[in-house]
Amino acid sequence: MITLYPIRKALVGPSTSNFTSRALRLGVAGLAVVTFAGLSACSDDDKSSSTTEAQVSPEDIKVDPAVVIAGMTKLPTTIATAIAAIGTDDVDAKVDAIEQEWASFEGTVKDTDQDLYLAIEDQLDPLQEQIKNGDSANANATAAKMSALFDQYKEAHPG
């Protein structure tokens, strides 16, 4: 550790003044280095104490093809239940159920048939918004499109 003592300027002449200025500059620079090193040592770089958990995206979850077929068979009923809940306090929970059900097998759909996966995804967000906004006519039309896409998938990938 560097100890700094007060520097007294003596009235001896120019050489002492240069020495005093240099000593003062070195002392300040040394103090800055010690302070920086001390602050760096005090920072919490211990990543093991972190509570951050790795999150897995639904697109990364892979399930058995039979689970996909069962999910695609059940999802139209879940969608119809959400549409029927329009105007009730339960509508948000029913819309969330659609998302949760889809998320349980969407990774396998994405890996198996990218085009149908994208087509379903393109319909899912509008459907949820239509339901939340109370637009049952458009929600029913979108639900019909999604059911047709589910049927296409089940036909192409019977499990």
C-alpha atoms as a PDB file:
ATOM      1  CA  MET A   1       0.000   0.000   0.000  1.00  0.00           C
ATOM      2  CA  ILE A   2       1.233   3.471  -0.770  1.00  0.00           C
ATOM      3  CA  THR A   3       1.291   5.954   2.066  1.00  0.00           C
ATOM      4  CA  LEU A   4       1.096   9.587   1.096  1.00  0.00           C
ATOM      5  CA  TYR A   5       2.588  12.230   3.310  1.00  0.00           C
ATOM      6  CA  PRO A   6       1.896  15.895   2.929  1.00  0.00           C
ATOM      7  CA  ILE A   7       4.498  17.496   0.761  1.00  0.00           C
ATOM      8  CA  ARG A   8       5.853  20.760   2.087  1.00  0.00           C
ATOM      9  CA  LYS A   9       7.325  23.169  -0.311  1.00  0.00           C
ATOM     10  CA  ALA A  10      10.563  24.494   1.024  1.00  0.00           C
ATOM     11  CA  LEU A  11      11.857  27.860   0.050  1.00  0.00           C
ATOM     12  CA  VAL A  12      15.114  26.425  -1.166  1.00  0.00           C
ATOM     13  CA  GLY A  13      15.034  27.013  -4.885  1.00  0.00           C
ATOM     14  CA  PRO A  14      13.802  25.825  -8.257  1.00  0.00           C
ATOM     15  CA  SER A  15      15.171  22.257  -8.013  1.00  0.00           C
ATOM     16  CA  THR A  16      13.159  21.570  -4.864  1.00  0.00           C
ATOM     17  CA  SER A  17      10.025  22.928  -6.527  1.00  0.00           C
ATOM     18  CA  ASN A  18      10.418  20.506  -9.489  1.00  0.00           C
ATOM     19  CA  PHE A  19      10.967  17.642  -7.063  1.00  0.00           C
ATOM     20  CA  THR A  20       7.875  18.595  -5.104  1.00  0.00           C
ATOM     21  CA  SER A  21       5.714  18.838  -8.264  1.00  0.00           C
ATOM     22  CA  ARG A  22       6.989  15.492  -9.504  1.00  0.00           C
ATOM     23  CA  ALA A  23       6.382  13.860  -6.129  1.00  0.00           C
ATOM     24  CA  LEU A  24       2.892  15.317  -6.020  1.00  0.00           C
ATOM     25  CA  ARG A  25       2.088  14.040  -9.534  1.00  0.00           C
ATOM     26  CA  LEU A  26       3.457  10.585  -8.720  1.00  0.00           C
ATOM     27  CA  GLY A  27       1.525  10.532  -5.461  1.00  0.00           C
ATOM     28  CA  VAL A  28      -1.740  11.418  -7.196  1.00  0.00           C
ATOM     29  CA  ALA A  29      -1.099   8.863  -9.940  1.00  0.00           C
ATOM     30  CA  GLY A  30      -0.270   6.218  -7.340  1.00  0.00           C
ATOM     31  CA  LEU A  31      -3.421   7.030  -5.414  1.00  0.00           C
ATOM     32  CA  ALA A  32      -5.497   6.679  -8.594  1.00  0.00           C
ATOM     33  CA  VAL A  33      -3.960   3.264  -9.324  1.00  0.00           C
ATOM     34  CA  VAL A  34      -4.522   2.044  -5.774  1.00  0.00           C
ATOM     35  CA  THR A  35      -8.107   3.324  -5.801  1.00  0.00           C
ATOM     36  CA  PHE A  36      -8.849   1.666  -9.158  1.00  0.00           C
ATOM     37  CA  ALA A  37      -7.289  -1.626  -8.035  1.00  0.00           C
ATOM     38  CA  GLY A  38      -9.220  -1.514  -4.781  1.00  0.00           C
ATOM     39  CA  LEU A  39     -12.525  -0.851  -6.486  1.00  0.00           C
ATOM     40  CA  SER A  40     -11.882  -3.622  -9.002  1.00  0.00           C
ATOM     41  CA  ALA A  41     -11.135  -6.066  -6.225  1.00  0.00           C
ATOM     42  CA  CYS A  42     -14.358  -5.113  -4.459  1.00  0.00           C
ATOM     43  CA  SER A  43     -16.595  -5.679  -7.467  1.00  0.00           C
ATOM     44  CA  ASP A  44     -18.727  -8.806  -7.459  1.00  0.00           C
ATOM     45  CA  ASP A  45     -17.447 -10.933 -10.313  1.00  0.00           C
ATOM     46  CA  ASP A  46     -18.590 -14.175  -8.703  1.00  0.00           C
ATOM     47  CA  LYS A  47     -20.986 -15.562 -11.301  1.00  0.00           C
ATOM     48  CA  SER A  48     -21.771 -18.617  -9.161  1.00  0.00           C
ATOM     49  CA  SER A  49     -23.748 -16.462  -6.753  1.00  0.00           C
ATOM     50  CA  SER A  50     -26.040 -15.303  -9.518  1.00  0.00           C
ATOM     51  CA  THR A  51     -29.618 -16.534  -9.431  1.00  0.00           C
ATOM     52  CA  THR A  52     -30.084 -16.193 -13.186  1.00  0.00           C
ATOM     53  CA  GLU A  53     -31.454 -19.369 -14.668  1.00  0.00           C
ATOM     54  CA  ALA A  54     -31.208 -20.370 -18.297  1.00  0.00           C
ATOM     55  CA  GLN A  55     -34.586 -20.137 -19.949  1.00  0.00           C
ATOM     56  CA  VAL A  56     -35.583 -22.569 -22.645  1.00  0.00           C
ATOM     57  CA  SER A  57     -37.568 -21.205 -25.542  1.00  0.00           C
ATOM     58  CA  PRO A  58     -40.703 -23.169 -26.527  1.00  0.00           C
ATOM     59  CA  GLU A  59     -39.176 -23.542 -30.003  1.00  0.00           C
ATOM     60  CA  ASP A  60     -36.334 -25.535 -28.424  1.00  0.00           C
ATOM     61  CA  ILE A  61     -38.584 -28.077 -26.697  1.00  0.00           C
ATOM     62  CA  LYS A  62     -38.955 -31.300 -28.648  1.00  0.00           C
ATOM     63  CA  VAL A  63     -41.696 -33.833 -27.943  1.00  0.00           C
ATOM     64  CA  ASP A  64     -42.873 -37.107 -29.380  1.00  0.00           C
ATOM     65  CA  PRO A  65     -44.864 -36.759 -32.642  1.00  0.00           C
ATOM     66  CA  ALA A  66     -47.887 -38.313 -30.931  1.00  0.00           C
ATOM     67  CA  VAL A  67     -47.893 -35.408 -28.451  1.00  0.00           C
ATOM     68  CA  VAL A  68     -48.006 -32.974 -31.387  1.00  0.00           C
ATOM     69  CA  ILE A  69     -50.950 -34.803 -32.964  1.00  0.00           C
ATOM     70  CA  ALA A  70     -52.805 -34.850 -29.639  1.00  0.00           C
ATOM     71  CA  GLY A  71     -52.074 -31.154 -29.124  1.00  0.00           C
ATOM     72  CA  MET A  72     -53.257 -30.196 -32.583  1.00  0.00           C
ATOM     73  CA  THR A  73     -56.407 -32.233 -32.034  1.00  0.00           C
ATOM     74  CA  LYS A  74     -57.126 -30.513 -28.714  1.00  0.00           C
ATOM     75  CA  LEU A  75     -56.104 -26.937 -29.616  1.00  0.00           C
ATOM     76  CA  PRO A  76     -59.200 -26.101 -31.729  1.00  0.00           C
ATOM     77  CA  THR A  77     -61.367 -26.825 -28.665  1.00  0.00           C
ATOM     78  CA  THR A  78     -59.151 -24.602 -26.511  1.00  0.00           C
ATOM     79  CA  ILE A  79     -59.455 -21.844 -29.129  1.00  0.00           C
ATOM     80  CA  ALA A  80     -63.253 -22.243 -29.266  1.00  0.00           C
ATOM     81  CA  THR A  81     -63.383 -21.996 -25.461  1.00  0.00           C
ATOM     82  CA  ALA A  82     -61.391 -18.745 -25.602  1.00  0.00           C
ATOM     83  CA  ILE A  83     -63.692 -17.307 -28.270  1.00  0.00           C
ATOM     84  CA  ALA A  84     -66.706 -18.282 -26.159  1.00  0.00           C
ATOM     85  CA  ALA A  85     -65.130 -16.396 -23.220  1.00  0.00           C
ATOM     86  CA  ILE A  86     -65.133 -13.079 -25.117  1.00  0.00           C
ATOM     87  CA  GLY A  87     -66.690 -10.435 -22.907  1.00  0.00           C
ATOM     88  CA  THR A  88     -66.020 -12.306 -19.674  1.00  0.00           C
ATOM     89  CA  ASP A  89     -63.402 -11.846 -16.986  1.00  0.00           C
ATOM     90  CA  ASP A  90     -61.982 -15.231 -17.974  1.00  0.00           C
ATOM     91  CA  VAL A  91     -60.943 -14.253 -21.516  1.00  0.00           C
ATOM     92  CA  ASP A  92     -57.280 -13.492 -20.702  1.00  0.00           C
ATOM     93  CA  ALA A  93     -56.806 -16.844 -18.973  1.00  0.00           C
ATOM     94  CA  LYS A  94     -58.386 -18.635 -21.942  1.00  0.00           C
ATOM     95  CA  VAL A  95     -56.107 -16.804 -24.405  1.00  0.00           C
ATOM     96  CA  ASP A  96     -53.104 -17.716 -22.230  1.00  0.00           C
ATOM     97  CA  ALA A  97     -54.223 -21.351 -22.369  1.00  0.00           C
ATOM     98  CA  ILE A  98     -53.981 -21.249 -26.184  1.00  0.00           C
ATOM     99  CA  GLU A  99     -50.399 -19.996 -25.984  1.00  0.00           C
ATOM    100  CA  GLN A 100     -49.407 -22.521 -23.319  1.00  0.00           C
ATOM    101  CA  GLU A 101     -50.891 -25.418 -25.230  1.00  0.00           C
ATOM    102  CA  TRP A 102     -49.170 -24.387 -28.476  1.00  0.00           C
ATOM    103  CA  ALA A 103     -45.855 -23.823 -26.667  1.00  0.00           C
ATOM    104  CA  SER A 104     -45.938 -27.385 -25.346  1.00  0.00           C
ATOM    105  CA  PHE A 105     -45.279 -28.824 -28.811  1.00  0.00           C
ATOM    106  CA  GLU A 106     -44.382 -25.975 -31.197  1.00  0.00           C
ATOM    107  CA  GLY A 107     -40.634 -26.817 -31.213  1.00  0.00           C
ATOM    108  CA  THR A 108     -41.346 -30.184 -32.791  1.00  0.00           C
ATOM    109  CA  VAL A 109     -43.645 -28.584 -35.375  1.00  0.00           C
ATOM    110  CA  LYS A 110     -40.928 -26.067 -36.227  1.00  0.00           C
ATOM    111  CA  ASP A 111     -38.363 -28.837 -36.723  1.00  0.00           C
ATOM    112  CA  THR A 112     -40.731 -31.088 -38.654  1.00  0.00           C
ATOM    113  CA  ASP A 113     -42.453 -28.630 -41.005  1.00  0.00           C
ATOM    114  CA  GLN A 114     -41.063 -25.088 -41.098  1.00  0.00           C
ATOM    115  CA  ASP A 115     -43.667 -23.804 -43.569  1.00  0.00           C
ATOM    116  CA  LEU A 116     -46.686 -24.982 -41.592  1.00  0.00           C
ATOM    117  CA  TYR A 117     -45.040 -23.800 -38.377  1.00  0.00           C
ATOM    118  CA  LEU A 118     -44.692 -20.280 -39.806  1.00  0.00           C
ATOM    119  CA  ALA A 119     -48.238 -20.341 -41.173  1.00  0.00           C
ATOM    120  CA  ILE A 120     -49.610 -21.295 -37.735  1.00  0.00           C
ATOM    121  CA  GLU A 121     -47.477 -18.652 -36.014  1.00  0.00           C
ATOM    122  CA  ASP A 122     -48.761 -16.049 -38.492  1.00  0.00           C
ATOM    123  CA  GLN A 123     -52.333 -16.833 -37.415  1.00  0.00           C
ATOM    124  CA  LEU A 124     -51.724 -17.213 -33.678  1.00  0.00           C
ATOM    125  CA  ASP A 125     -50.995 -13.595 -32.748  1.00  0.00           C
ATOM    126  CA  PRO A 126     -53.917 -12.134 -34.718  1.00  0.00           C
ATOM    127  CA  LEU A 127     -56.226 -14.760 -33.208  1.00  0.00           C
ATOM    128  CA  GLN A 128     -55.205 -13.848 -29.679  1.00  0.00           C
ATOM    129  CA  GLU A 129     -55.632 -10.131 -30.372  1.00  0.00           C
ATOM    130  CA  GLN A 130     -59.034 -10.703 -31.983  1.00  0.00           C
ATOM    131  CA  ILE A 131     -60.205 -12.628 -28.943  1.00  0.00           C
ATOM    132  CA  LYS A 132     -58.854 -10.028 -26.501  1.00  0.00           C
ATOM    133  CA  ASN A 133     -60.495  -7.237 -28.522  1.00  0.00           C
ATOM    134  CA  GLY A 134     -63.876  -9.018 -28.562  1.00  0.00           C
ATOM    135  CA  ASP A 135     -63.851  -9.597 -32.346  1.00  0.00           C
ATOM    136  CA  SER A 136     -65.566 -12.973 -32.430  1.00  0.00           C
ATOM    137  CA  ALA A 137     -66.312 -12.921 -36.181  1.00  0.00           C
ATOM    138  CA  ASN A 138     -62.665 -12.528 -37.164  1.00  0.00           C
ATOM    139  CA  ALA A 139     -61.527 -14.810 -34.333  1.00  0.00           C
ATOM    140  CA  ASN A 140     -63.800 -17.577 -35.671  1.00  0.00           C
ATOM    141  CA  ALA A 141     -62.450 -17.060 -39.202  1.00  0.00           C
ATOM    142  CA  THR A 142     -58.856 -17.203 -37.959  1.00  0.00           C
ATOM    143  CA  ALA A 143     -59.660 -20.265 -35.854  1.00  0.00           C
ATOM    144  CA  ALA A 144     -60.990 -21.996 -38.980  1.00  0.00           C
ATOM    145  CA  LYS A 145     -57.736 -21.209 -40.822  1.00  0.00           C
ATOM    146  CA  MET A 146     -55.741 -22.591 -37.931  1.00  0.00           C
ATOM    147  CA  SER A 147     -57.822 -25.775 -37.798  1.00  0.00           C
ATOM    148  CA  ALA A 148     -57.148 -26.280 -41.502  1.00  0.00           C
ATOM    149  CA  LEU A 149     -53.409 -25.830 -40.881  1.00  0.00           C
ATOM    150  CA  PHE A 150     -53.551 -28.324 -38.006  1.00  0.00           C
ATOM    151  CA  ASP A 151     -55.300 -30.818 -40.305  1.00  0.00           C
ATOM    152  CA  GLN A 152     -52.637 -30.275 -42.979  1.00  0.00           C
ATOM    153  CA  TYR A 153     -49.908 -30.984 -40.457  1.00  0.00           C
ATOM    154  CA  LYS A 154     -51.620 -34.103 -39.100  1.00  0.00           C
ATOM    155  CA  GLU A 155     -52.099 -35.381 -42.644  1.00  0.00           C
ATOM    156  CA  ALA A 156     -48.472 -34.761 -43.621  1.00  0.00           C
ATOM    157  CA  HIS A 157     -47.050 -36.016 -40.325  1.00  0.00           C
ATOM    158  CA  PRO A 158     -49.408 -38.635 -38.924  1.00  0.00           C
ATOM    159  CA  GLY A 159     -47.109 -39.368 -35.999  1.00  0.00           C
END
